[in-house]
Protein backbone atom coordinates (compact mmCIF):
# COMPACT_ATOMS: atom_id res chain seq x y z
CA MET A 1 127.20 86.38 37.80
CA MET A 2 127.05 82.80 39.00
CA LEU A 3 128.85 83.76 42.19
CA LEU A 4 126.44 86.67 42.77
CA ALA A 5 123.44 84.44 42.16
CA ALA A 6 124.77 81.87 44.62
CA LEU A 7 125.35 84.58 47.20
CA LEU A 8 121.82 85.88 46.75
CA ALA A 9 120.46 82.37 47.11
CA VAL A 10 122.36 81.93 50.35
CA LEU A 11 121.02 85.25 51.63
CA VAL A 12 117.46 84.31 50.70
CA ILE A 13 117.77 80.96 52.43
CA ALA A 14 119.38 82.58 55.49
CA GLY A 15 116.73 85.30 55.56
CA GLY A 16 113.99 82.71 55.29
CA ALA A 17 115.52 80.67 58.06
CA ALA A 18 115.89 83.77 60.21
CA PHE A 19 112.27 84.68 59.62
CA VAL A 20 111.10 81.15 60.41
CA THR A 21 113.17 80.99 63.62
CA TRP A 22 112.01 84.52 64.60
CA LYS A 23 108.44 83.52 63.89
CA SER A 24 108.99 80.42 66.01
CA GLU A 25 110.20 82.77 68.80
CA LEU A 26 113.63 81.14 68.94
CA TRP A 27 115.11 84.67 69.02
CA GLY A 28 113.91 88.30 69.10
CA GLY A 29 111.66 87.87 72.11
CA ARG A 30 108.31 86.20 72.47
CA SER A 31 104.79 87.43 71.78
CA LEU A 32 102.22 88.08 74.47
CA PRO A 33 99.33 85.59 74.27
CA ASP A 34 96.05 86.68 72.72
CA PRO A 35 93.10 86.23 75.17
CA ALA A 36 91.00 84.82 72.31
CA SER A 37 93.42 81.93 71.83
CA ILE A 38 93.43 81.21 75.58
CA ALA A 39 89.62 81.26 75.63
CA ALA A 40 89.51 78.81 72.73
CA ALA A 41 92.03 76.50 74.40
CA HIS A 42 90.01 76.43 77.63
CA SER A 43 86.53 76.47 76.12
CA GLY A 44 84.06 74.71 78.36
CA SER A 45 86.46 74.39 81.27
CA SER A 46 87.74 77.37 83.22
CA THR A 47 86.31 80.11 81.02
CA THR A 48 83.32 82.25 81.90
CA THR A 49 81.20 84.63 79.86
CA ASN A 50 81.28 88.43 79.75
CA GLU A 51 78.07 90.44 79.84
CA ASP A 52 78.19 90.85 76.04
CA GLY A 53 78.29 87.07 75.62
CA SER A 54 81.96 86.88 74.62
CA ALA A 55 84.26 84.37 76.22
CA ALA A 56 86.18 85.65 79.24
CA VAL A 57 89.60 84.36 80.21
CA MET A 58 90.51 83.63 83.81
CA THR A 59 93.67 85.30 85.05
CA ASP A 60 95.10 81.98 86.24
CA ASP A 61 94.95 80.65 82.67
CA MET A 62 96.61 83.76 81.26
CA VAL A 63 99.38 83.60 83.87
CA ALA A 64 99.99 79.93 83.02
CA ALA A 65 100.24 80.79 79.31
CA LEU A 66 102.71 83.60 79.99
CA LYS A 67 104.89 81.42 82.22
CA ALA A 68 104.91 78.70 79.55
CA LYS A 69 106.49 81.29 77.24
CA GLY A 70 109.15 82.16 79.79
CA PHE A 71 107.68 85.38 81.14
CA ASN A 72 107.46 86.42 84.77
CA THR A 73 104.12 87.85 85.90
CA ARG A 74 102.72 90.26 88.43
CA ILE A 75 98.97 90.46 89.04
CA LYS A 76 97.30 93.85 89.52
CA GLN A 77 93.78 93.89 90.96
CA VAL A 78 91.43 96.28 89.13
CA PHE A 79 87.78 97.02 89.90
CA SER A 80 85.52 96.30 86.95
CA GLY A 81 82.11 95.06 85.89
CA LYS A 82 83.60 91.68 85.02
CA SER A 83 83.49 88.70 87.37
CA LYS A 84 86.21 88.31 89.97
CA GLY A 85 89.31 86.57 88.64
CA VAL A 86 88.70 87.44 84.98
CA PHE A 87 91.66 88.69 82.91
CA ILE A 88 91.10 92.32 81.90
CA GLY A 89 94.26 93.09 79.95
CA TYR A 90 97.95 93.83 80.16
CA ALA A 91 98.92 96.94 82.14
CA GLY A 92 100.95 99.82 80.70
CA ASN A 93 104.33 99.22 79.15
CA ALA A 94 106.90 96.52 79.68
CA ASN A 95 110.56 97.22 78.89
CA GLY A 96 109.56 100.41 77.08
CA LYS A 97 107.15 98.62 74.76
CA GLU A 98 103.36 98.74 74.79
CA ALA A 99 102.02 95.60 76.40
CA LYS A 100 99.27 94.25 74.16
CA PRO A 101 98.39 90.86 72.67
CA GLY A 102 100.95 89.84 70.04
CA ALA A 103 103.61 92.34 71.15
CA ARG A 104 107.14 90.87 71.31
CA MET A 105 108.82 91.00 74.71
CA PRO A 106 112.18 89.60 75.85
CA ALA A 107 111.99 86.21 77.53
CA GLY A 108 112.12 86.69 81.29
CA ALA A 109 110.38 90.08 81.17
CA THR A 110 107.85 90.77 83.94
CA ILE A 111 104.37 91.23 82.50
CA ILE A 112 101.74 93.02 84.60
CA VAL A 113 98.43 91.19 84.33
CA GLN A 114 95.25 93.05 85.25
CA GLU A 115 92.72 90.90 87.08
CA SER A 116 89.14 91.88 87.80
CA ALA A 117 88.36 92.36 91.50
CA GLY A 118 84.68 92.76 90.70
CA PRO A 119 82.86 96.08 91.11
CA GLY A 120 84.27 98.69 93.47
CA VAL A 121 85.33 102.31 93.89
CA PRO A 122 88.84 103.11 92.55
CA LYS A 123 91.28 104.71 95.00
CA ASP A 124 91.65 107.91 92.98
CA THR A 125 87.90 108.69 92.91
CA ILE A 126 87.86 111.23 95.78
CA GLY A 127 88.61 114.73 94.51
CA LYS A 128 87.69 114.03 90.90
CA GLN A 129 84.82 115.83 89.25
CA ALA A 130 81.85 113.47 89.45
CA LYS A 131 81.27 113.84 85.72
CA ARG A 132 84.79 112.54 85.01
CA ALA A 133 84.46 109.66 87.47
CA ALA A 134 80.98 108.67 86.23
CA SER A 135 82.02 106.59 83.22
CA THR A 136 84.38 104.45 85.30
CA LEU A 137 81.90 103.99 88.13
CA GLU A 138 79.02 103.20 85.82
CA SER A 139 81.08 100.52 84.07
CA MET A 140 81.10 98.48 87.28
CA GLY A 141 77.83 96.75 86.47
CA VAL A 142 76.02 97.90 89.64
CA PRO A 143 73.69 100.87 90.30
CA VAL A 144 75.43 104.20 90.94
CA HIS A 145 73.68 106.87 93.01
CA TYR A 146 74.85 110.51 93.17
CA LYS A 147 73.99 112.42 96.34
CA GLN A 148 74.48 116.01 97.53
CA VAL A 149 77.09 116.60 100.24
CA TYR A 150 77.36 120.16 101.56
CA VAL A 151 80.68 122.04 101.65
CA SER A 152 81.32 125.65 102.69
CA ASP A 153 84.64 126.32 100.94
CA THR A 154 84.07 125.73 97.24
CA GLU A 155 87.55 127.01 96.34
CA LYS A 156 89.16 124.22 98.37
CA THR A 157 86.46 121.70 97.44
CA PRO A 158 84.97 122.65 94.05
CA GLU A 159 81.28 122.04 93.49
CA GLY A 160 80.70 118.85 91.54
CA SER A 161 83.74 117.06 92.96
CA VAL A 162 83.52 113.71 94.72
CA VAL A 163 83.95 114.10 98.49
CA ASP A 164 82.69 110.75 99.79
CA THR A 165 81.70 107.32 98.53
CA TYR A 166 80.23 104.07 99.73
CA PRO A 167 82.01 101.75 99.66
CA ALA A 168 85.04 103.84 100.61
CA ALA A 169 87.43 104.66 97.79
CA GLY A 170 89.70 101.69 97.19
CA SER A 171 87.11 99.18 98.43
CA PRO A 172 85.02 96.63 96.53
CA VAL A 173 81.24 96.44 96.60
CA PRO A 174 80.37 93.56 98.97
CA ASP A 175 78.69 90.67 97.18
CA ASN A 176 75.58 90.96 99.33
CA GLN A 177 75.21 94.68 98.54
CA ARG A 178 75.43 94.65 94.75
CA ASP A 179 71.75 95.47 94.39
CA ASP A 180 72.39 98.67 96.39
CA GLY A 181 75.48 99.47 94.36
CA ILE A 182 77.72 102.52 94.75
CA TYR A 183 76.87 105.84 96.41
CA VAL A 184 78.78 108.97 95.44
CA GLY A 185 78.79 112.15 97.52
CA VAL A 186 79.00 115.21 95.24
CA ALA A 187 80.00 118.60 96.64
CA VAL A 188 77.42 121.40 96.68
CA GLN A 189 77.70 124.67 98.57
CA GLY A 190 75.87 124.82 101.91
CA THR A 191 76.06 125.66 105.61
CA GLY A 192 75.92 123.78 108.91
CA PRO A 193 78.10 120.74 109.68
CA THR A 194 79.54 120.67 106.18
CA MET A 195 82.14 118.23 104.88
CA ASP A 196 84.80 120.91 105.50
CA ILE A 197 84.64 120.43 109.28
CA VAL A 198 86.67 117.22 109.06
CA GLY A 199 90.25 118.01 110.02
CA GLN A 200 89.42 121.36 111.66
CA ASP A 201 89.98 122.22 115.31
CA VAL A 202 87.11 120.85 117.40
CA ASP A 203 86.60 123.98 119.52
CA THR A 204 86.56 126.23 116.45
CA VAL A 205 83.95 124.08 114.71
CA ARG A 206 81.85 123.83 117.84
CA THR A 207 81.78 127.60 118.28
CA GLU A 208 80.88 128.15 114.63
CA LEU A 209 78.03 125.63 114.67
CA GLU A 210 76.62 127.00 117.91
CA SER A 211 76.62 130.47 116.37
CA GLN A 212 74.47 129.02 113.56
CA GLY A 213 71.92 127.74 116.07
CA TYR A 214 72.96 124.11 116.43
CA SER A 215 73.17 122.26 119.76
CA VAL A 216 76.66 120.73 119.78
CA SER A 217 78.30 117.97 121.87
CA VAL A 218 81.73 116.36 121.49
CA GLU A 219 82.74 112.70 121.80
CA PRO A 220 86.22 111.11 121.48
CA ARG A 221 87.19 108.79 118.63
CA PHE A 222 90.51 107.03 118.07
CA ALA A 223 91.99 108.57 114.94
CA ALA A 224 95.18 109.18 112.97
CA GLU A 225 97.85 111.21 114.74
CA SER A 226 97.26 114.09 112.30
CA LEU A 227 93.65 114.34 113.52
CA LYS A 228 94.36 114.55 117.25
CA GLY A 229 92.19 117.34 118.68
CA LYS A 230 90.48 117.77 115.33
CA VAL A 231 87.10 116.77 113.95
CA THR A 232 87.15 113.24 112.53
CA GLY A 233 83.43 113.04 111.79
CA SER A 234 80.03 113.89 113.16
CA ASN A 235 76.51 112.67 113.68
CA PRO A 236 74.65 113.50 111.46
CA ALA A 237 77.50 112.81 109.06
CA PRO A 238 79.53 115.76 107.73
CA GLY A 239 77.83 117.29 104.72
CA SER A 240 74.33 116.11 105.63
CA HIS A 241 71.37 118.46 105.49
CA VAL A 242 70.75 119.50 109.12
CA ASP A 243 68.19 122.16 110.07
CA ALA A 244 69.26 124.88 112.52
CA GLY A 245 68.34 124.01 116.09
CA GLN A 246 69.05 120.30 115.68
CA SER A 247 71.67 118.47 117.76
CA VAL A 248 75.06 117.71 116.25
CA THR A 249 77.72 115.46 117.79
CA LEU A 250 81.30 116.15 116.79
CA TYR A 251 83.87 113.35 116.98
CA GLU A 252 87.26 114.49 118.30
CA GLY A 253 90.42 112.58 117.35
CA VAL A 254 92.35 111.00 120.25
CA ASP A 255 95.43 108.76 120.40
CA ALA A 256 97.45 106.48 122.70
CA SER A 257 97.53 109.05 125.49
CA ASP A 258 93.75 108.67 126.00
CA VAL A 259 93.55 104.87 126.20
CA ASP A 260 93.47 104.58 130.00
CA LYS A 261 90.82 107.27 130.33
CA LEU A 262 88.56 105.62 127.76
CA MET A 263 89.14 101.93 128.45
CA ILE A 264 89.81 101.65 132.22
CA ASP A 265 87.22 102.44 134.88
CA ASP A 266 87.97 105.15 137.42
CA PRO A 267 87.75 103.58 140.91
CA SER A 268 86.15 106.72 142.31
CA LYS A 269 83.22 106.22 139.93
CA ASN A 270 82.90 102.47 140.41
CA VAL A 271 79.87 101.16 142.24
CA GLU A 272 82.17 98.90 144.20
CA SER A 273 84.61 101.49 145.56
CA GLY A 274 88.26 100.56 145.31
CA VAL A 275 88.00 98.38 142.21
CA ARG A 276 90.03 99.45 139.18
CA SER A 277 88.63 97.47 136.28
CA LEU A 278 88.29 97.29 132.52
CA TYR A 279 85.45 99.02 130.75
CA GLY A 280 83.61 96.57 128.54
CA MET A 281 84.29 98.70 125.46
CA SER A 282 84.29 102.33 124.29
CA ALA A 283 82.48 104.14 121.49
CA ALA A 284 85.88 105.65 120.63
CA MET A 285 86.63 102.47 118.66
CA ALA A 286 83.68 102.87 116.29
CA GLY A 287 84.56 102.75 112.62
CA THR A 288 85.40 100.58 109.63
CA TYR A 289 88.85 98.99 109.47
CA CYS A 290 90.37 97.44 106.34
CA LYS A 291 93.57 95.81 105.14
CA ALA A 292 95.92 97.96 103.06
CA THR A 293 94.80 95.92 100.04
CA VAL A 294 91.15 94.89 99.94
CA THR A 295 90.28 91.96 97.70
CA ASP A 296 87.20 90.68 99.50
CA ALA A 297 85.57 93.27 101.77
CA ASP A 298 83.85 90.55 103.80
CA LYS A 299 87.27 89.20 104.82
CA ASP A 300 89.57 92.19 104.46
CA CYS A 301 87.41 94.69 106.37
CA MET A 302 85.62 94.80 109.71
CA THR A 303 83.27 97.32 111.30
CA ILE A 304 83.02 98.18 115.00
CA ASP A 305 79.65 99.63 115.98
CA TYR A 306 77.91 100.09 119.32
CA ARG A 307 74.65 100.53 121.16
CA THR A 308 73.96 102.02 124.60
CA ASP A 309 72.05 99.82 127.05
CA GLU A 310 69.47 100.95 129.62
CA TYR A 311 72.24 101.60 132.14
CA GLY A 312 74.21 103.86 129.81
CA SER A 313 76.92 101.27 129.21
CA ILE A 314 78.44 100.79 125.75
CA ILE A 315 77.73 97.45 124.07
CA ALA A 316 80.10 97.02 121.12
CA TYR A 317 79.71 94.76 118.09
CA GLN A 318 82.20 93.51 115.51
CA THR A 319 80.97 92.64 112.02
CA TRP A 320 83.10 91.46 109.10
CA GLY A 321 82.68 93.77 106.12
CA THR A 322 82.24 97.51 105.62
CA LYS A 323 78.74 97.88 107.00
CA ALA A 324 77.55 97.60 110.60
CA ASN A 325 74.86 95.03 111.32
CA ASP A 326 71.51 96.81 111.69
CA ASN A 327 70.31 94.10 114.09
CA PRO A 328 73.37 92.76 115.90
CA SER A 329 73.04 89.71 118.14
CA ARG A 330 74.89 88.54 121.23
CA ASP A 331 77.12 86.55 118.88
CA ASP A 332 78.42 89.84 117.43
CA GLU A 333 79.20 91.38 120.83
CA VAL A 334 82.84 92.06 121.72
CA SER A 335 84.33 93.16 125.01
CA GLN A 336 87.53 93.48 126.99
CA CYS A 337 85.86 91.21 129.57
CA PHE A 338 85.06 87.81 128.14
CA ALA A 339 82.16 85.75 129.47
CA THR A 340 83.84 84.42 132.56
CA ASN A 341 84.53 80.85 133.46
CA GLY A 342 83.30 81.11 137.03
CA GLY A 343 81.31 84.34 137.07
CA ASP A 344 83.95 86.08 139.19
CA VAL A 345 83.92 89.88 138.75
CA GLY A 346 87.61 89.82 139.58
CA ARG A 347 88.36 88.47 136.09
CA CYS A 348 87.87 92.04 134.78
CA SER A 349 89.58 93.71 137.74
CA ILE A 350 93.06 95.20 137.56
CA THR A 351 93.36 95.96 141.28
CA LEU A 352 91.04 95.62 144.26
CA THR A 353 91.55 97.80 147.34
CA TYR A 354 90.08 96.95 150.73
CA GLY A 355 91.04 99.38 153.46
CA SER A 356 94.82 99.74 153.36
CA ASP A 357 95.33 96.55 151.34
CA THR A 358 95.48 96.41 147.54
CA PHE A 359 95.28 93.10 145.66
CA ASP A 360 95.93 92.21 142.05
CA GLY A 361 92.88 91.26 140.05
CA ASP A 362 92.90 88.72 137.22
CA ALA A 363 93.24 91.54 134.66
CA THR A 364 96.39 92.94 136.26
CA ASN A 365 98.64 91.59 133.49
CA ARG A 366 96.45 92.49 130.54
CA LEU A 367 98.00 94.34 127.60
CA ILE A 368 96.11 97.54 128.43
CA THR A 369 97.79 97.84 131.84
CA LYS A 370 101.26 98.33 130.29
CA GLY A 371 100.69 101.91 129.13
CA TRP A 372 101.64 101.15 125.52
CA GLY A 373 98.45 102.49 123.92
CA MET A 374 97.22 98.99 123.04
CA PHE A 375 94.55 96.65 124.37
CA ASP A 376 93.05 93.29 123.49
CA PHE A 377 89.38 92.44 123.27
CA GLY A 378 87.31 89.64 121.89
CA ARG A 379 84.26 87.48 121.64
CA GLY A 380 83.48 84.11 123.17
CA GLN A 381 83.48 82.31 126.48
CA GLU A 382 86.27 81.13 128.75
CA GLY A 383 84.58 77.81 129.40
CA ALA A 384 85.77 74.53 127.96
CA LEU A 385 83.91 72.28 125.54
CA CYS A 386 82.55 68.99 126.77
CA GLY A 387 80.63 66.85 124.33
CA GLY A 388 80.21 69.89 122.09
CA GLU A 389 78.72 72.04 124.87
CA THR A 390 80.35 74.86 126.82
CA ILE A 391 80.87 74.15 130.50
CA THR A 392 82.41 76.07 133.38
CA THR A 393 85.45 74.20 134.63
CA TRP A 394 85.14 75.93 138.00
CA PHE A 395 82.00 74.01 138.91
CA MET A 396 81.60 71.11 136.48
CA ASN A 397 83.29 67.85 135.53
CA CYS A 398 83.65 66.35 132.08
CA ARG A 399 84.07 62.61 131.90
CA ALA A 400 83.74 60.56 128.73
CA GLY A 401 82.38 63.65 126.99
CA GLU A 402 79.56 64.19 129.48
CA SER A 403 79.34 67.05 131.95
CA THR A 404 78.30 66.58 135.58
CA TYR A 405 78.27 68.63 138.75
CA PRO A 406 80.67 67.21 141.37
CA THR A 407 79.31 66.21 144.74
CA THR A 408 82.05 68.16 146.55
CA GLY A 409 84.32 71.02 145.63
CA ASP A 410 87.32 68.66 145.59
CA ASP A 411 85.71 66.23 143.17
CA LEU A 412 86.80 67.96 139.94
CA GLU A 413 88.58 65.38 137.81
CA TRP A 414 89.50 65.38 134.13
CA ASP A 415 89.89 62.44 131.79
CA GLY A 416 90.98 64.47 128.73
CA SER A 417 87.57 64.70 127.06
CA ALA A 418 87.13 68.40 127.90
CA THR A 419 89.12 70.86 125.78
CA TYR A 420 89.75 74.55 125.38
CA GLU A 421 89.37 75.53 121.72
CA MET A 422 90.89 78.58 120.03
CA SER A 423 88.01 78.51 117.54
CA ALA A 424 85.61 79.37 120.37
CA ILE A 425 87.41 82.65 121.08
CA ASP A 426 87.82 85.51 118.57
CA LEU A 427 90.67 87.68 119.85
CA PHE A 428 91.68 91.13 118.58
CA VAL A 429 94.34 93.68 119.49
CA TYR A 430 93.54 97.38 119.13
CA VAL A 431 96.55 99.62 118.43
CA THR A 432 96.07 103.38 118.69
CA ALA A 433 98.07 106.03 116.84
CA GLY A 434 101.36 106.58 118.65
CA ALA A 435 101.30 103.20 120.43
CA ASP A 436 104.59 101.67 121.59
CA ILE A 437 104.56 98.60 119.35
CA ASP A 438 108.25 97.83 119.95
CA ALA A 439 107.64 97.46 123.69
CA ALA A 440 104.79 95.02 123.07
CA GLU A 441 106.90 92.92 120.71
CA GLN A 442 109.86 92.86 123.10
CA SER A 443 107.58 91.85 125.98
CA GLY A 444 106.75 88.52 124.34
CA TYR A 445 103.05 89.26 123.84
CA PHE A 446 103.40 88.36 120.16
CA ASP A 447 104.75 85.01 119.01
CA THR A 448 108.50 85.19 118.25
CA SER A 449 108.18 83.63 114.80
CA ALA A 450 105.31 86.03 114.00
CA VAL A 451 107.52 89.01 114.92
CA GLN A 452 110.27 87.66 112.66
CA THR A 453 107.80 87.26 109.79
CA ALA A 454 106.45 90.79 110.28
CA ALA A 455 110.01 92.18 110.19
CA LYS A 456 110.31 90.94 106.59
CA GLN A 457 107.08 92.66 105.56
CA LYS A 458 106.31 96.32 104.96
CA PRO A 459 106.27 98.15 108.32
CA VAL A 460 102.91 99.05 109.80
CA ASP A 461 101.82 102.70 109.73
CA THR A 462 102.05 103.69 113.40
CA ASP A 463 100.32 107.04 112.78
CA ARG A 464 97.01 105.31 112.11
CA PRO A 465 94.83 103.24 114.45
CA PHE A 466 94.53 99.61 113.44
CA ILE A 467 93.23 96.25 114.61
CA LEU A 468 94.95 92.85 114.52
CA TYR A 469 92.95 89.62 114.39
CA ARG A 470 94.33 86.42 115.91
CA ASP A 471 94.36 84.07 112.95
CA PRO A 472 93.93 80.38 113.90
CA SER A 473 95.29 79.32 110.49
CA LEU A 474 98.74 80.59 111.55
CA TYR A 475 98.95 78.03 114.37
CA ASP A 476 99.73 74.33 114.23
CA GLU A 477 96.73 72.10 114.88
CA ASP A 478 98.06 70.97 118.26
CA GLN A 479 98.25 74.64 119.33
CA THR A 480 94.57 75.39 118.77
CA SER A 481 93.13 72.73 121.07
CA VAL A 482 94.26 72.12 124.67
CA LYS A 483 92.93 69.46 127.04
CA VAL A 484 91.65 70.61 130.42
CA ASN A 485 93.67 69.37 133.37
CA GLU A 486 94.15 70.23 137.01
CA LYS A 487 96.74 72.90 136.18
CA ASN A 488 94.69 74.88 133.64
CA MET A 489 91.15 74.19 134.85
CA TYR A 490 90.76 77.83 135.97
CA ASP A 491 92.82 79.32 133.15
CA ASN A 492 91.85 79.05 129.48
CA PRO A 493 95.11 79.68 127.54
CA PHE A 494 93.21 81.26 124.63
CA VAL A 495 91.73 84.05 126.79
CA PRO A 496 94.04 86.87 127.96
CA SER A 497 92.50 87.17 131.38
CA SER A 498 94.89 85.48 133.76
CA LYS A 499 97.94 86.39 135.82
CA ASP A 500 99.69 83.23 134.68
CA THR A 501 102.07 82.81 131.76
CA ASN A 502 100.39 79.99 129.85
CA ASP A 503 98.57 82.29 127.40
CA VAL A 504 99.08 81.31 123.76
CA LYS A 505 101.19 83.99 122.08
CA PHE A 506 99.41 86.20 119.56
CA LYS A 507 99.80 85.70 115.80
CA PRO A 508 100.24 87.67 113.60
CA ALA A 509 102.54 90.48 114.71
CA PRO A 510 101.93 94.03 113.42
CA SER A 511 102.83 94.77 109.79
CA ASP A 512 101.25 96.62 106.89
CA GLU A 513 100.07 93.25 105.62
CA THR A 514 98.33 92.15 108.82
CA ALA A 515 96.82 95.44 110.05
CA TYR A 516 93.17 96.40 109.59
CA TYR A 517 93.53 100.20 109.39
CA LEU A 518 90.82 102.64 110.37
CA VAL A 519 89.49 103.94 107.06
CA ASP A 520 86.16 105.47 108.00
CA GLN A 521 84.38 106.61 111.15
CA VAL A 522 80.85 105.29 111.60
CA ASN A 523 79.05 108.47 110.60
CA ASN A 524 75.54 107.09 110.23
CA ARG A 525 75.27 108.54 106.73
CA ASP A 526 71.81 107.64 105.44
CA TRP A 527 72.56 107.65 101.73
CA ASN A 528 69.02 106.87 100.66
CA ALA A 529 67.63 109.85 102.58
CA MET A 530 70.10 112.30 101.00
CA ARG A 531 69.12 114.58 98.17
CA ASP A 532 70.02 113.47 94.65
CA ALA A 533 72.84 115.34 92.91
CA ASP A 534 72.44 116.50 89.31
CA LEU A 535 75.62 115.98 87.31
CA GLY A 536 74.28 118.20 84.54
C-alpha cells in the first residue's frame, strides 16, 4: 500500500508538472494570441477603434506577437469596413486545426493573418445573386447602390445576378470616392446593346443591333487575345438603357498585329507627304489598368482616357486610380511624342522621304518600330532643368544656375548646373496581347538586372494587354540625374526619342508583379443615371 501510494504521488507530481509545462507552452504547441490581449498591451499606442467603439488591433502588432511565439505568418488582404491595416482574424485552418484565438498550433506553423484592405468589392462578386452578395458589400461601411443592367439571355445570366460593379471586382474603393461608395449592376431582362454583347462576334452584334433600329459604328480597342474580333465594350456601356434609333459604338478587340496601323501614321495620309511618323496616341488604349493585386487603387491602378481636339486628333490622358479625370489638364496628357527639346518635327519621325532619298528620323529606333507589338509613351519635356526651370538645350545656356540665350550658335557652354532629371519624365511601355516580350528583353531595352529580377517572379500574362511604369525608385540616385554636357545637349537620356544609345534602360522588366493589366474598358457607364434595381 505504501508503494502504491508513493507511485500515485509520483504520478500526481509528474502530471502536475506536465500540465504546468504544457500550460507554459514548453511542449504540445503554442496558443494563438487573443486580439483582446494584444489591444490591451498596445492601448494608447498603435491601436485604433472599430465602429462599435471596441479596440482594434493592427496587423503589424498581431504578426509581431505571433513571431514572438515562434510562428511564421502570411498576410491575406481582405476588404472590410474596418480601417486599412486592422487585424480581422485568422484565416481557415492551420495544420488541420481551426485557427482561432487560444487554439494550440505547433511551433513553426504558418498562420494566415487576415488584414483589412478597407472597403472594396471582393473578387468573387460577379456572377453571384445580388441578394447573396448584399450582406458582404453592405458591411464595407460605404453606400451601396444597386442598378439595373440589361441582359438578353437570362438562362446564361440569371436575373438578379451581379454582372458589373464599380469599383471592378477585386478592387478597393478609392479613399476620395468613399462618399460615392459601391455600385452594383444587377441583371434584368431587356433588349438593345445588352451586357451579353461582350465577347460576341462584332459583325453579328452589329447586324443584330441595326435590325433593332440602332445606328452602329465600330472602333478598335486593345484587348485580351480571347477577345480579338469580338465586342469588348460599347458606348453607351453594355446593358445601359438605349432607345431605338440612338447611336451605339461597339469596341472591337485587337492585338499586337494592329499596333502599326493604330500607332504609326500612314505617309500617304500625312500633310507633309513622305513622312512616316508616330501618332500622338490612339483611343484603342482607353481603359483602366491595375496590378494583379490591388492594395491602394490610387497607386496600383491607372486609367487611360482621351478627348478629340478640333482637328480630330486624339489627346490622351493618364490618371492614377480607377476613374478618369473629368477635367484633365495638360499635366495629365501623355503621348508617344514628348514635348521636344528644339521644336523639331523630326523628333517624332521614323523616316523622311524627299524624292528618291529616304532619311532616318529621330524616332527610327523607337520600340514601336521593331514590330514586337509594344510601344513606349510618356509625359513631360525633353528640356533640361536650369535653376529649377525647364530650358531648351538647343538654344539656351545654363551657367551658375541661370539660363541665357547665346550670342552665336557656337556659344553653347555648360558648367554642370543644368541637369536632365528622370523625375521630370513619366515613361510607360504599352504591351499588347501577343507581343514578343522575349525579343524586347533580348534587345537590351530593359535593364539587365531588371530582367533577372523579373525571371524570379511569376511570369506576366502575355494574353492580356498591360502597361509598365518606369519606377524611379528602382534606380540609384546617380542614375536619375544627369548633367548636361556637349555630348548630350541634344539628347536627354530619359526620353526614348533619339537614334543614339545613351538612353537609360527601362526598369522594371515585365512580370506579373510589375504589370498593370487591362481590367476594364472605359465604357462611360453613368451609374447615377441608371435605373435602381429592386432586390426584393
